[in-house]
Amino acid sequence: MGFSIALIVFSGLLMLLVLMHKGKGGGLSDMFGGGMQSSVGGSSVAERNLDRITVVVGLLWFACIIVLALLMKANT
């Protein structure tokens, strides 16, 4: 039960973190205004930290999926 809740939390957090990234041009980011230049530009340090946090949350999300798969296999 705990890993299922953790998976839901990490999924929502991962979606928010991915949407916070600056668009690189083209694709769906332009559709939602990601391609427009903003006067409030993020610093490169903030972007790197956002990248690191996104990778860590992605790895935790992946680990939750693996643990849930192993628990389901053990129950059958």
Protein backbone atom coordinates (compact mmCIF):
# COMPACT_ATOMS: atom_id res chain seq x y z
CA MET A 1 0.00 0.00 0.00
CA GLY A 2 2.81 2.41 0.87
CA PHE A 3 4.62 1.91 -2.42
CA SER A 4 1.40 2.51 -4.35
CA ILE A 5 0.93 5.85 -2.63
CA ALA A 6 4.59 6.71 -3.19
CA LEU A 7 4.19 5.88 -6.89
CA ILE A 8 1.21 8.24 -7.18
CA VAL A 9 3.09 11.03 -5.39
CA PHE A 10 6.25 10.56 -7.48
CA SER A 11 4.17 10.45 -10.69
CA GLY A 12 2.52 13.77 -9.91
CA LEU A 13 5.79 15.34 -8.84
CA LEU A 14 7.54 14.09 -11.96
CA MET A 15 4.86 15.58 -14.19
CA LEU A 16 5.19 18.96 -12.48
CA LEU A 17 8.97 18.92 -12.69
CA VAL A 18 8.95 18.07 -16.40
CA LEU A 19 6.46 20.85 -17.09
CA MET A 20 8.66 23.34 -15.22
CA HIS A 21 11.55 22.80 -17.66
CA LYS A 22 12.24 25.48 -20.20
CA GLY A 23 11.19 24.48 -23.70
CA LYS A 24 14.01 23.97 -26.17
CA GLY A 25 11.86 25.00 -29.13
CA GLY A 26 9.55 22.94 -31.28
CA GLY A 27 7.26 20.18 -30.16
CA LEU A 28 4.53 20.49 -27.57
CA SER A 29 6.35 23.14 -25.53
CA ASP A 30 5.49 25.74 -28.19
CA MET A 31 1.82 24.85 -27.97
CA PHE A 32 1.70 25.81 -24.30
CA GLY A 33 3.81 28.95 -24.61
CA GLY A 34 7.17 27.35 -23.90
CA GLY A 35 8.67 28.71 -27.10
CA MET A 36 8.01 32.35 -26.25
CA GLN A 37 10.91 34.37 -24.88
CA SER A 38 10.32 35.57 -21.36
CA SER A 39 11.86 38.57 -19.66
CA VAL A 40 12.20 36.50 -16.49
CA GLY A 41 14.93 34.11 -17.58
CA GLY A 42 16.02 31.35 -15.25
CA SER A 43 19.65 31.09 -14.27
CA SER A 44 21.72 28.18 -15.47
CA VAL A 45 22.21 27.04 -11.87
CA ALA A 46 18.45 26.81 -11.36
CA GLU A 47 18.08 24.82 -14.57
CA ARG A 48 20.82 22.40 -13.54
CA ASN A 49 19.27 21.92 -10.12
CA LEU A 50 15.87 21.32 -11.73
CA ASP A 51 17.51 18.73 -14.00
CA ARG A 52 19.09 16.99 -11.02
CA ILE A 53 15.87 16.95 -9.02
CA THR A 54 13.97 15.60 -12.03
CA VAL A 55 16.49 12.77 -12.50
CA VAL A 56 16.35 11.83 -8.79
CA VAL A 57 12.54 11.80 -8.74
CA GLY A 58 12.54 9.78 -11.98
CA LEU A 59 14.85 7.19 -10.45
CA LEU A 60 12.69 6.99 -7.31
CA TRP A 61 9.60 6.56 -9.53
CA PHE A 62 11.35 3.75 -11.42
CA ALA A 63 12.41 2.09 -8.16
CA CYS A 64 8.80 2.17 -6.89
CA ILE A 65 7.64 0.43 -10.06
CA ILE A 66 10.28 -2.29 -9.67
CA VAL A 67 9.42 -2.85 -5.99
CA LEU A 68 5.70 -3.02 -6.77
CA ALA A 69 6.35 -5.53 -9.56
CA LEU A 70 8.42 -7.71 -7.24
CA LEU A 71 5.75 -7.53 -4.51
CA MET A 72 3.03 -8.50 -6.97
CA LYS A 73 5.14 -11.40 -8.25
CA ALA A 74 5.75 -12.60 -4.70
CA ASN A 75 2.03 -12.54 -3.87
CA THR A 76 1.11 -14.83 -6.75
